[in-house]
């Protein structure tokens, strides 16, 4: 009897954003990116194009980032029900996205330094060959972007919060950007003699990639640091509880336990308290912006009687 009751009352603790199709497509993108990286690094050195070489090394760091993405997916899947974690390994994917954002930033800084050196010490550029390889690289990048975009923007609701997949998608977009800039720089260099534009485009690409890196960093770090929910959401929860009878909230903690999931611990004081399940139902039905973000609810109820309260759980 007790075992049956306990099963009903247990919370769901698996908040990992498992995305099997996204994982399979990331593997395919890894293979395509790896071989294109080898081609661009070799030909970038042979043909003297900084923009092409930067694109090749840029792809190399993305290969490492995609490996991080796949490791995070596998770890989350294998340890989905591991009791070692308080709320499942949901943040492993977020950590993968955070790590990838650091890699993006490092790539951008390296590109800035190398491009600056090429402005001071320009190299001879074989434009026709370099343009052909850059065009091939762009084609591969567009294919990879289409493979990842399908599940980055149009999958299950949890996939919208899959920072791991978003990181992989941003890496591919960064590759496509550097390929486009390389083609523009090489084309203008060939037809107008603007050889200086090759390293300048490398610097422009690096600055844009830095911006993407910062954007991903600001999305993932709050999850890793257990940042609370938005203030207006917190106030709306308080209003929902305190508008019911004479309830007052004495303590409220809300934090992120995974992509799109929040846990809440709430302490309620009332002269006419009800069972904790009553307040949980109030919060389960609660909507803010059309979304119920409270995935794990713990309620403590205190009965006020004169100057003291009697605690219930």
C-alpha atoms as a PDB file:
ATOM      1  CA  UNK A   1       0.000   0.000   0.000  1.00  0.00           C
ATOM      2  CA  UNK A   2       2.729   2.443   0.967  1.00  0.00           C
ATOM      3  CA  UNK A   3       4.818   1.560  -2.096  1.00  0.00           C
ATOM      4  CA  UNK A   4       1.843   2.239  -4.378  1.00  0.00           C
ATOM      5  CA  UNK A   5       1.234   5.613  -2.695  1.00  0.00           C
ATOM      6  CA  UNK A   6       4.905   6.571  -2.931  1.00  0.00           C
ATOM      7  CA  UNK A   7       4.960   5.855  -6.665  1.00  0.00           C
ATOM      8  CA  UNK A   8       2.070   8.293  -7.182  1.00  0.00           C
ATOM      9  CA  UNK A   9       3.741  11.027  -5.135  1.00  0.00           C
ATOM     10  CA  UNK A  10       7.198  10.756  -6.718  1.00  0.00           C
ATOM     11  CA  UNK A  11       8.428  13.701  -8.815  1.00  0.00           C
ATOM     12  CA  UNK A  12       9.792  13.430 -12.332  1.00  0.00           C
ATOM     13  CA  UNK A  13      13.517  14.227 -12.181  1.00  0.00           C
ATOM     14  CA  UNK A  14      14.579  13.739 -15.787  1.00  0.00           C
ATOM     15  CA  UNK A  15      14.802  17.174 -17.418  1.00  0.00           C
ATOM     16  CA  UNK A  16      17.388  16.356 -20.090  1.00  0.00           C
ATOM     17  CA  UNK A  17      16.618  17.646 -23.573  1.00  0.00           C
ATOM     18  CA  UNK A  18      17.299  14.359 -25.372  1.00  0.00           C
ATOM     19  CA  UNK A  19      17.296  14.844 -29.133  1.00  0.00           C
ATOM     20  CA  UNK A  20      18.200  11.608 -30.914  1.00  0.00           C
ATOM     21  CA  UNK A  21      17.629  12.915 -34.428  1.00  0.00           C
ATOM     22  CA  UNK A  22      19.652  16.033 -33.631  1.00  0.00           C
ATOM     23  CA  UNK A  23      22.448  13.797 -32.333  1.00  0.00           C
ATOM     24  CA  UNK A  24      22.508  11.711 -35.532  1.00  0.00           C
ATOM     25  CA  UNK A  25      22.611  14.801 -37.713  1.00  0.00           C
ATOM     26  CA  UNK A  26      25.397  16.298 -35.624  1.00  0.00           C
ATOM     27  CA  UNK A  27      27.475  13.175 -36.344  1.00  0.00           C
ATOM     28  CA  UNK A  28      26.943  13.641 -40.094  1.00  0.00           C
ATOM     29  CA  UNK A  29      27.843  17.337 -39.803  1.00  0.00           C
ATOM     30  CA  UNK A  30      31.017  16.369 -37.904  1.00  0.00           C
ATOM     31  CA  UNK A  31      32.177  14.111 -40.761  1.00  0.00           C
ATOM     32  CA  UNK A  32      31.431  16.707 -43.462  1.00  0.00           C
ATOM     33  CA  UNK A  33      33.115  19.487 -41.477  1.00  0.00           C
ATOM     34  CA  UNK A  34      36.223  17.402 -40.753  1.00  0.00           C
ATOM     35  CA  UNK A  35      36.994  16.641 -44.408  1.00  0.00           C
ATOM     36  CA  UNK A  36      36.241  20.204 -45.519  1.00  0.00           C
ATOM     37  CA  UNK A  37      38.548  21.489 -42.760  1.00  0.00           C
ATOM     38  CA  UNK A  38      41.437  19.367 -44.062  1.00  0.00           C
ATOM     39  CA  UNK A  39      40.850  20.601 -47.621  1.00  0.00           C
ATOM     40  CA  UNK A  40      40.707  24.300 -46.673  1.00  0.00           C
ATOM     41  CA  UNK A  41      43.756  24.273 -44.392  1.00  0.00           C
ATOM     42  CA  UNK A  42      45.916  22.589 -47.040  1.00  0.00           C
ATOM     43  CA  UNK A  43      44.709  24.758 -49.925  1.00  0.00           C
ATOM     44  CA  UNK A  44      44.720  27.947 -47.814  1.00  0.00           C
ATOM     45  CA  UNK A  45      48.447  27.469 -47.226  1.00  0.00           C
ATOM     46  CA  UNK A  46      49.107  26.493 -50.844  1.00  0.00           C
ATOM     47  CA  UNK A  47      47.177  29.430 -52.371  1.00  0.00           C
ATOM     48  CA  UNK A  48      48.136  32.090 -49.798  1.00  0.00           C
ATOM     49  CA  UNK A  49      44.607  33.102 -48.761  1.00  0.00           C
ATOM     50  CA  UNK A  50      44.188  34.213 -45.164  1.00  0.00           C
ATOM     51  CA  UNK A  51      40.407  34.199 -45.478  1.00  0.00           C
ATOM     52  CA  UNK A  52      40.465  30.596 -46.731  1.00  0.00           C
ATOM     53  CA  UNK A  53      43.030  29.478 -44.143  1.00  0.00           C
ATOM     54  CA  UNK A  54      41.051  31.154 -41.354  1.00  0.00           C
ATOM     55  CA  UNK A  55      37.948  29.331 -42.527  1.00  0.00           C
ATOM     56  CA  UNK A  56      39.830  26.024 -42.430  1.00  0.00           C
ATOM     57  CA  UNK A  57      41.159  26.507 -38.890  1.00  0.00           C
ATOM     58  CA  UNK A  58      37.771  27.819 -37.884  1.00  0.00           C
ATOM     59  CA  UNK A  59      36.253  24.555 -39.097  1.00  0.00           C
ATOM     60  CA  UNK A  60      38.895  22.655 -37.129  1.00  0.00           C
ATOM     61  CA  UNK A  61      37.771  24.189 -33.850  1.00  0.00           C
ATOM     62  CA  UNK A  62      34.187  23.430 -34.799  1.00  0.00           C
ATOM     63  CA  UNK A  63      35.113  19.774 -35.239  1.00  0.00           C
ATOM     64  CA  UNK A  64      36.227  19.849 -31.599  1.00  0.00           C
ATOM     65  CA  UNK A  65      32.991  21.632 -30.633  1.00  0.00           C
ATOM     66  CA  UNK A  66      30.854  19.025 -32.425  1.00  0.00           C
ATOM     67  CA  UNK A  67      32.702  16.279 -30.549  1.00  0.00           C
ATOM     68  CA  UNK A  68      31.829  18.091 -27.297  1.00  0.00           C
ATOM     69  CA  UNK A  69      28.198  18.236 -28.470  1.00  0.00           C
ATOM     70  CA  UNK A  70      28.085  14.491 -29.174  1.00  0.00           C
ATOM     71  CA  UNK A  71      29.740  13.613 -25.856  1.00  0.00           C
ATOM     72  CA  UNK A  72      27.163  15.745 -24.039  1.00  0.00           C
ATOM     73  CA  UNK A  73      24.296  14.024 -25.878  1.00  0.00           C
ATOM     74  CA  UNK A  74      25.630  10.560 -25.105  1.00  0.00           C
ATOM     75  CA  UNK A  75      26.336  11.361 -21.464  1.00  0.00           C
ATOM     76  CA  UNK A  76      22.831  12.791 -20.956  1.00  0.00           C
ATOM     77  CA  UNK A  77      21.241   9.748 -22.585  1.00  0.00           C
ATOM     78  CA  UNK A  78      23.272   7.121 -20.716  1.00  0.00           C
ATOM     79  CA  UNK A  79      22.846   8.852 -17.333  1.00  0.00           C
ATOM     80  CA  UNK A  80      19.251  10.035 -17.810  1.00  0.00           C
ATOM     81  CA  UNK A  81      18.086   8.143 -14.679  1.00  0.00           C
ATOM     82  CA  UNK A  82      21.327   8.280 -12.709  1.00  0.00           C
ATOM     83  CA  UNK A  83      20.470   9.054  -9.067  1.00  0.00           C
ATOM     84  CA  UNK A  84      23.870  10.714  -8.619  1.00  0.00           C
ATOM     85  CA  UNK A  85      22.329  13.912  -9.997  1.00  0.00           C
ATOM     86  CA  UNK A  86      19.742  15.871  -8.045  1.00  0.00           C
ATOM     87  CA  UNK A  87      17.704  16.686 -11.171  1.00  0.00           C
ATOM     88  CA  UNK A  88      19.141  14.368 -13.857  1.00  0.00           C
ATOM     89  CA  UNK A  89      22.150  15.320 -16.040  1.00  0.00           C
ATOM     90  CA  UNK A  90      20.041  17.947 -17.839  1.00  0.00           C
ATOM     91  CA  UNK A  91      22.736  20.593 -17.534  1.00  0.00           C
ATOM     92  CA  UNK A  92      25.356  18.505 -19.340  1.00  0.00           C
ATOM     93  CA  UNK A  93      23.942  19.682 -22.679  1.00  0.00           C
ATOM     94  CA  UNK A  94      23.962  23.267 -21.413  1.00  0.00           C
ATOM     95  CA  UNK A  95      27.578  22.793 -20.318  1.00  0.00           C
ATOM     96  CA  UNK A  96      28.360  21.551 -23.835  1.00  0.00           C
ATOM     97  CA  UNK A  97      26.827  24.710 -25.274  1.00  0.00           C
ATOM     98  CA  UNK A  98      28.751  26.877 -22.802  1.00  0.00           C
ATOM     99  CA  UNK A  99      32.033  25.141 -23.688  1.00  0.00           C
ATOM    100  CA  UNK A 100      31.340  25.589 -27.387  1.00  0.00           C
ATOM    101  CA  UNK A 101      30.729  29.306 -26.851  1.00  0.00           C
ATOM    102  CA  UNK A 102      34.206  29.555 -25.292  1.00  0.00           C
ATOM    103  CA  UNK A 103      35.680  27.720 -28.294  1.00  0.00           C
ATOM    104  CA  UNK A 104      33.903  30.145 -30.640  1.00  0.00           C
ATOM    105  CA  UNK A 105      35.412  33.091 -28.761  1.00  0.00           C
ATOM    106  CA  UNK A 106      38.925  31.646 -28.899  1.00  0.00           C
ATOM    107  CA  UNK A 107      38.572  31.004 -32.640  1.00  0.00           C
ATOM    108  CA  UNK A 108      37.519  34.610 -33.201  1.00  0.00           C
ATOM    109  CA  UNK A 109      40.500  35.967 -31.257  1.00  0.00           C
ATOM    110  CA  UNK A 110      42.937  33.762 -33.205  1.00  0.00           C
ATOM    111  CA  UNK A 111      41.391  34.968 -36.461  1.00  0.00           C
ATOM    112  CA  UNK A 112      41.806  38.597 -35.362  1.00  0.00           C
ATOM    113  CA  UNK A 113      45.494  38.121 -34.566  1.00  0.00           C
ATOM    114  CA  UNK A 114      46.278  36.184 -37.749  1.00  0.00           C
ATOM    115  CA  UNK A 115      44.371  38.664 -39.930  1.00  0.00           C
ATOM    116  CA  UNK A 116      46.264  41.560 -38.352  1.00  0.00           C
ATOM    117  CA  UNK A 117      49.572  39.874 -39.161  1.00  0.00           C
ATOM    118  CA  UNK A 118      48.497  39.364 -42.789  1.00  0.00           C
ATOM    119  CA  UNK A 119      47.718  43.092 -43.116  1.00  0.00           C
ATOM    120  CA  UNK A 120      51.260  43.942 -41.997  1.00  0.00           C
ATOM    121  CA  UNK A 121      52.899  41.096 -43.961  1.00  0.00           C
ATOM    122  CA  UNK A 122      50.666  40.324 -46.994  1.00  0.00           C
ATOM    123  CA  UNK A 123      50.989  36.994 -48.824  1.00  0.00           C
ATOM    124  CA  UNK A 124      50.664  36.198 -52.525  1.00  0.00           C
ATOM    125  CA  UNK A 125      47.154  34.877 -53.219  1.00  0.00           C
ATOM    126  CA  UNK A 126      46.141  32.383 -55.956  1.00  0.00           C
ATOM    127  CA  UNK A 127      42.635  33.740 -56.405  1.00  0.00           C
ATOM    128  CA  UNK A 128      41.012  31.249 -58.800  1.00  0.00           C
ATOM    129  CA  UNK A 129      41.927  28.169 -56.785  1.00  0.00           C
ATOM    130  CA  UNK A 130      41.132  29.829 -53.449  1.00  0.00           C
ATOM    131  CA  UNK A 131      37.686  31.002 -54.669  1.00  0.00           C
ATOM    132  CA  UNK A 132      36.820  27.497 -55.889  1.00  0.00           C
ATOM    133  CA  UNK A 133      37.712  25.915 -52.539  1.00  0.00           C
ATOM    134  CA  UNK A 134      35.887  28.636 -50.574  1.00  0.00           C
ATOM    135  CA  UNK A 135      32.796  28.026 -52.724  1.00  0.00           C
ATOM    136  CA  UNK A 136      32.963  24.306 -52.002  1.00  0.00           C
ATOM    137  CA  UNK A 137      33.329  25.054 -48.283  1.00  0.00           C
ATOM    138  CA  UNK A 138      30.259  27.299 -48.382  1.00  0.00           C
ATOM    139  CA  UNK A 139      28.232  24.542 -50.050  1.00  0.00           C
ATOM    140  CA  UNK A 140      29.175  22.071 -47.308  1.00  0.00           C
ATOM    141  CA  UNK A 141      28.337  24.650 -44.635  1.00  0.00           C
ATOM    142  CA  UNK A 142      24.897  25.287 -46.120  1.00  0.00           C
ATOM    143  CA  UNK A 143      24.164  21.551 -46.208  1.00  0.00           C
ATOM    144  CA  UNK A 144      25.235  21.242 -42.557  1.00  0.00           C
ATOM    145  CA  UNK A 145      23.139  24.265 -41.558  1.00  0.00           C
ATOM    146  CA  UNK A 146      20.039  22.726 -43.182  1.00  0.00           C
ATOM    147  CA  UNK A 147      20.663  19.438 -41.373  1.00  0.00           C
ATOM    148  CA  UNK A 148      20.855  21.153 -37.974  1.00  0.00           C
ATOM    149  CA  UNK A 149      18.253  23.874 -38.544  1.00  0.00           C
ATOM    150  CA  UNK A 150      15.493  21.309 -39.027  1.00  0.00           C
ATOM    151  CA  UNK A 151      15.825  20.294 -35.397  1.00  0.00           C
ATOM    152  CA  UNK A 152      17.113  23.522 -33.935  1.00  0.00           C
ATOM    153  CA  UNK A 153      14.021  25.507 -34.813  1.00  0.00           C
ATOM    154  CA  UNK A 154      11.182  23.086 -35.517  1.00  0.00           C
ATOM    155  CA  UNK A 155      11.465  20.180 -33.118  1.00  0.00           C
ATOM    156  CA  UNK A 156       9.804  19.267 -29.828  1.00  0.00           C
ATOM    157  CA  UNK A 157       9.363  22.081 -27.294  1.00  0.00           C
ATOM    158  CA  UNK A 158      12.426  20.947 -25.349  1.00  0.00           C
ATOM    159  CA  UNK A 159      14.534  21.190 -28.497  1.00  0.00           C
ATOM    160  CA  UNK A 160      13.915  24.939 -28.535  1.00  0.00           C
ATOM    161  CA  UNK A 161      15.953  24.950 -25.306  1.00  0.00           C
ATOM    162  CA  UNK A 162      18.607  22.516 -26.557  1.00  0.00           C
ATOM    163  CA  UNK A 163      21.650  24.734 -26.043  1.00  0.00           C
ATOM    164  CA  UNK A 164      23.883  21.853 -27.116  1.00  0.00           C
ATOM    165  CA  UNK A 165      22.249  21.716 -30.572  1.00  0.00           C
ATOM    166  CA  UNK A 166      22.047  25.500 -30.800  1.00  0.00           C
ATOM    167  CA  UNK A 167      25.813  25.676 -30.209  1.00  0.00           C
ATOM    168  CA  UNK A 168      26.417  23.230 -33.072  1.00  0.00           C
ATOM    169  CA  UNK A 169      24.080  25.243 -35.314  1.00  0.00           C
ATOM    170  CA  UNK A 170      25.875  28.502 -34.501  1.00  0.00           C
ATOM    171  CA  UNK A 171      29.233  26.893 -35.276  1.00  0.00           C
ATOM    172  CA  UNK A 172      27.948  25.916 -38.720  1.00  0.00           C
ATOM    173  CA  UNK A 173      26.577  29.415 -39.317  1.00  0.00           C
ATOM    174  CA  UNK A 174      29.935  30.860 -38.287  1.00  0.00           C
ATOM    175  CA  UNK A 175      31.625  28.582 -40.832  1.00  0.00           C
ATOM    176  CA  UNK A 176      29.191  29.663 -43.554  1.00  0.00           C
ATOM    177  CA  UNK A 177      29.829  33.318 -42.693  1.00  0.00           C
ATOM    178  CA  UNK A 178      33.606  32.992 -42.966  1.00  0.00           C
ATOM    179  CA  UNK A 179      33.181  31.181 -46.311  1.00  0.00           C
ATOM    180  CA  UNK A 180      30.999  34.001 -47.676  1.00  0.00           C
ATOM    181  CA  UNK A 181      33.441  36.648 -46.483  1.00  0.00           C
ATOM    182  CA  UNK A 182      36.340  34.709 -47.998  1.00  0.00           C
ATOM    183  CA  UNK A 183      34.611  34.532 -51.387  1.00  0.00           C
ATOM    184  CA  UNK A 184      33.806  38.265 -51.315  1.00  0.00           C
ATOM    185  CA  UNK A 185      37.355  39.197 -50.330  1.00  0.00           C
ATOM    186  CA  UNK A 186      38.947  36.903 -52.912  1.00  0.00           C
ATOM    187  CA  UNK A 187      36.621  38.076 -55.676  1.00  0.00           C
ATOM    188  CA  UNK A 188      37.322  41.766 -55.037  1.00  0.00           C
ATOM    189  CA  UNK A 189      41.014  41.024 -54.719  1.00  0.00           C
ATOM    190  CA  UNK A 190      41.063  39.225 -58.052  1.00  0.00           C
ATOM    191  CA  UNK A 191      39.099  41.803 -60.085  1.00  0.00           C
ATOM    192  CA  UNK A 192      40.042  45.065 -58.346  1.00  0.00           C
ATOM    193  CA  UNK A 193      43.416  44.250 -56.801  1.00  0.00           C
ATOM    194  CA  UNK A 194      42.113  44.808 -53.255  1.00  0.00           C
ATOM    195  CA  UNK A 195      44.371  42.165 -51.700  1.00  0.00           C
ATOM    196  CA  UNK A 196      44.154  43.919 -48.341  1.00  0.00           C
ATOM    197  CA  UNK A 197      40.472  42.997 -48.188  1.00  0.00           C
ATOM    198  CA  UNK A 198      41.312  39.319 -47.633  1.00  0.00           C
ATOM    199  CA  UNK A 199      42.670  39.798 -44.071  1.00  0.00           C
ATOM    200  CA  UNK A 200      40.142  42.584 -43.363  1.00  0.00           C
ATOM    201  CA  UNK A 201      37.275  40.195 -44.104  1.00  0.00           C
ATOM    202  CA  UNK A 202      38.926  37.740 -41.717  1.00  0.00           C
ATOM    203  CA  UNK A 203      38.709  40.404 -39.002  1.00  0.00           C
ATOM    204  CA  UNK A 204      35.078  41.231 -39.811  1.00  0.00           C
ATOM    205  CA  UNK A 205      34.149  37.563 -39.563  1.00  0.00           C
ATOM    206  CA  UNK A 206      35.990  37.262 -36.255  1.00  0.00           C
ATOM    207  CA  UNK A 207      34.042  40.165 -34.739  1.00  0.00           C
ATOM    208  CA  UNK A 208      30.698  38.698 -35.798  1.00  0.00           C
ATOM    209  CA  UNK A 209      31.662  35.308 -34.376  1.00  0.00           C
ATOM    210  CA  UNK A 210      32.634  36.990 -31.098  1.00  0.00           C
ATOM    211  CA  UNK A 211      29.117  38.413 -30.916  1.00  0.00           C
ATOM    212  CA  UNK A 212      27.592  34.956 -31.446  1.00  0.00           C
ATOM    213  CA  UNK A 213      29.899  33.541 -28.792  1.00  0.00           C
ATOM    214  CA  UNK A 214      28.809  36.180 -26.297  1.00  0.00           C
ATOM    215  CA  UNK A 215      25.134  35.563 -27.090  1.00  0.00           C
ATOM    216  CA  UNK A 216      25.438  31.816 -26.447  1.00  0.00           C
ATOM    217  CA  UNK A 217      27.469  32.491 -23.292  1.00  0.00           C
ATOM    218  CA  UNK A 218      24.720  34.697 -21.850  1.00  0.00           C
ATOM    219  CA  UNK A 219      22.109  32.008 -22.588  1.00  0.00           C
ATOM    220  CA  UNK A 220      23.939  29.079 -21.012  1.00  0.00           C
ATOM    221  CA  UNK A 221      25.723  30.594 -18.006  1.00  0.00           C
ATOM    222  CA  UNK A 222      22.499  31.537 -16.109  1.00  0.00           C
ATOM    223  CA  UNK A 223      21.357  27.884 -16.309  1.00  0.00           C
ATOM    224  CA  UNK A 224      24.692  26.618 -14.982  1.00  0.00           C
ATOM    225  CA  UNK A 225      24.627  29.192 -12.157  1.00  0.00           C
ATOM    226  CA  UNK A 226      21.068  28.301 -11.057  1.00  0.00           C
ATOM    227  CA  UNK A 227      19.773  31.752 -11.926  1.00  0.00           C
ATOM    228  CA  UNK A 228      16.202  32.364 -10.782  1.00  0.00           C
ATOM    229  CA  UNK A 229      13.222  32.998 -13.014  1.00  0.00           C
ATOM    230  CA  UNK A 230      12.330  36.494 -14.278  1.00  0.00           C
ATOM    231  CA  UNK A 231      11.080  38.874 -11.566  1.00  0.00           C
ATOM    232  CA  UNK A 232       7.678  39.418 -13.192  1.00  0.00           C
ATOM    233  CA  UNK A 233       7.144  35.647 -13.268  1.00  0.00           C
ATOM    234  CA  UNK A 234       8.081  35.427  -9.576  1.00  0.00           C
ATOM    235  CA  UNK A 235       5.630  38.208  -8.687  1.00  0.00           C
ATOM    236  CA  UNK A 236       2.884  36.509 -10.688  1.00  0.00           C
ATOM    237  CA  UNK A 237       3.401  33.277  -8.705  1.00  0.00           C
ATOM    238  CA  UNK A 238       3.226  35.216  -5.454  1.00  0.00           C
ATOM    239  CA  UNK A 239      -0.004  36.891  -6.557  1.00  0.00           C
ATOM    240  CA  UNK A 240      -1.505  33.535  -7.556  1.00  0.00           C
ATOM    241  CA  UNK A 241      -0.899  32.072  -4.084  1.00  0.00           C
ATOM    242  CA  UNK A 242      -1.656  35.139  -1.958  1.00  0.00           C
ATOM    243  CA  UNK A 243      -4.928  35.942  -3.754  1.00  0.00           C
ATOM    244  CA  UNK A 244      -6.197  32.576  -2.571  1.00  0.00           C
ATOM    245  CA  UNK A 245      -7.607  33.038   0.984  1.00  0.00           C
ATOM    246  CA  UNK A 246      -5.282  34.747   3.487  1.00  0.00           C
ATOM    247  CA  UNK A 247      -2.098  33.004   2.316  1.00  0.00           C
ATOM    248  CA  UNK A 248       1.242  34.744   2.582  1.00  0.00           C
ATOM    249  CA  UNK A 249       4.527  33.544   1.127  1.00  0.00           C
ATOM    250  CA  UNK A 250       7.346  33.606   3.675  1.00  0.00           C
ATOM    251  CA  UNK A 251      10.014  32.024   1.479  1.00  0.00           C
ATOM    252  CA  UNK A 252      10.304  31.413  -2.261  1.00  0.00           C
ATOM    253  CA  UNK A 253      13.131  29.805  -4.252  1.00  0.00           C
ATOM    254  CA  UNK A 254      12.969  29.184  -8.001  1.00  0.00           C
ATOM    255  CA  UNK A 255      15.913  27.933 -10.055  1.00  0.00           C
ATOM    256  CA  UNK A 256      16.672  26.300 -13.389  1.00  0.00           C
ATOM    257  CA  UNK A 257      17.145  22.534 -13.353  1.00  0.00           C
ATOM    258  CA  UNK A 258      17.393  22.068 -17.112  1.00  0.00           C
ATOM    259  CA  UNK A 259      16.532  23.656 -20.462  1.00  0.00           C
ATOM    260  CA  UNK A 260      13.055  25.147 -20.075  1.00  0.00           C
ATOM    261  CA  UNK A 261      12.512  23.577 -16.637  1.00  0.00           C
ATOM    262  CA  UNK A 262      12.347  25.277 -13.236  1.00  0.00           C
ATOM    263  CA  UNK A 263      12.099  23.846  -9.715  1.00  0.00           C
ATOM    264  CA  UNK A 264      10.340  25.759  -6.953  1.00  0.00           C
ATOM    265  CA  UNK A 265      10.399  25.554  -3.140  1.00  0.00           C
ATOM    266  CA  UNK A 266       7.704  27.686  -1.556  1.00  0.00           C
ATOM    267  CA  UNK A 267       6.852  28.287   2.099  1.00  0.00           C
ATOM    268  CA  UNK A 268       3.262  29.432   2.783  1.00  0.00           C
ATOM    269  CA  UNK A 269       1.775  30.932   5.965  1.00  0.00           C
ATOM    270  CA  UNK A 270      -1.999  30.873   6.499  1.00  0.00           C
ATOM    271  CA  UNK A 271      -4.608  30.895   9.274  1.00  0.00           C
ATOM    272  CA  UNK A 272      -6.615  28.353   7.278  1.00  0.00           C
ATOM    273  CA  UNK A 273      -4.008  26.194   5.566  1.00  0.00           C
ATOM    274  CA  UNK A 274      -4.832  23.441   3.139  1.00  0.00           C
ATOM    275  CA  UNK A 275      -2.841  20.384   2.195  1.00  0.00           C
ATOM    276  CA  UNK A 276       0.341  21.040   0.177  1.00  0.00           C
ATOM    277  CA  UNK A 277      -1.270  19.290  -2.794  1.00  0.00           C
ATOM    278  CA  UNK A 278      -3.845  22.083  -3.008  1.00  0.00           C
ATOM    279  CA  UNK A 279      -1.163  24.725  -3.562  1.00  0.00           C
ATOM    280  CA  UNK A 280       0.712  22.468  -5.965  1.00  0.00           C
ATOM    281  CA  UNK A 281      -2.429  22.247  -8.077  1.00  0.00           C
ATOM    282  CA  UNK A 282      -2.672  26.053  -8.082  1.00  0.00           C
ATOM    283  CA  UNK A 283       0.864  26.241  -9.465  1.00  0.00           C
ATOM    284  CA  UNK A 284       0.431  23.359 -11.896  1.00  0.00           C
ATOM    285  CA  UNK A 285      -2.382  25.244 -13.582  1.00  0.00           C
ATOM    286  CA  UNK A 286      -0.393  28.460 -13.526  1.00  0.00           C
ATOM    287  CA  UNK A 287       0.540  29.938 -16.904  1.00  0.00           C
ATOM    288  CA  UNK A 288       2.779  32.842 -17.753  1.00  0.00           C
ATOM    289  CA  UNK A 289       3.269  33.767 -21.403  1.00  0.00           C
ATOM    290  CA  UNK A 290       1.316  30.611 -22.306  1.00  0.00           C
ATOM    291  CA  UNK A 291       3.941  28.341 -20.732  1.00  0.00           C
ATOM    292  CA  UNK A 292       4.019  26.414 -17.473  1.00  0.00           C
ATOM    293  CA  UNK A 293       7.697  26.430 -16.561  1.00  0.00           C
ATOM    294  CA  UNK A 294       7.375  24.872 -13.084  1.00  0.00           C
ATOM    295  CA  UNK A 295       8.428  21.242 -13.504  1.00  0.00           C
ATOM    296  CA  UNK A 296       9.265  20.351  -9.874  1.00  0.00           C
ATOM    297  CA  UNK A 297       7.185  21.839  -7.040  1.00  0.00           C
ATOM    298  CA  UNK A 298       7.851  21.503  -3.282  1.00  0.00           C
ATOM    299  CA  UNK A 299       5.441  23.197  -0.848  1.00  0.00           C
ATOM    300  CA  UNK A 300       5.800  23.859   2.883  1.00  0.00           C
ATOM    301  CA  UNK A 301       2.669  25.047   4.751  1.00  0.00           C
ATOM    302  CA  UNK A 302       2.697  26.852   8.109  1.00  0.00           C
ATOM    303  CA  UNK A 303      -0.494  27.333  10.158  1.00  0.00           C
ATOM    304  CA  UNK A 304      -0.619  30.622  12.030  1.00  0.00           C
ATOM    305  CA  UNK A 305      -2.129  30.447  15.516  1.00  0.00           C
ATOM    306  CA  UNK A 306      -1.529  33.593  17.533  1.00  0.00           C
ATOM    307  CA  UNK A 307       2.150  34.492  17.503  1.00  0.00           C
ATOM    308  CA  UNK A 308       3.443  31.140  16.262  1.00  0.00           C
ATOM    309  CA  UNK A 309       3.032  28.849  13.297  1.00  0.00           C
ATOM    310  CA  UNK A 310       2.693  25.076  13.084  1.00  0.00           C
ATOM    311  CA  UNK A 311       4.551  23.615  10.112  1.00  0.00           C
ATOM    312  CA  UNK A 312       3.051  21.084   7.697  1.00  0.00           C
ATOM    313  CA  UNK A 313       4.697  19.338   4.755  1.00  0.00           C
END
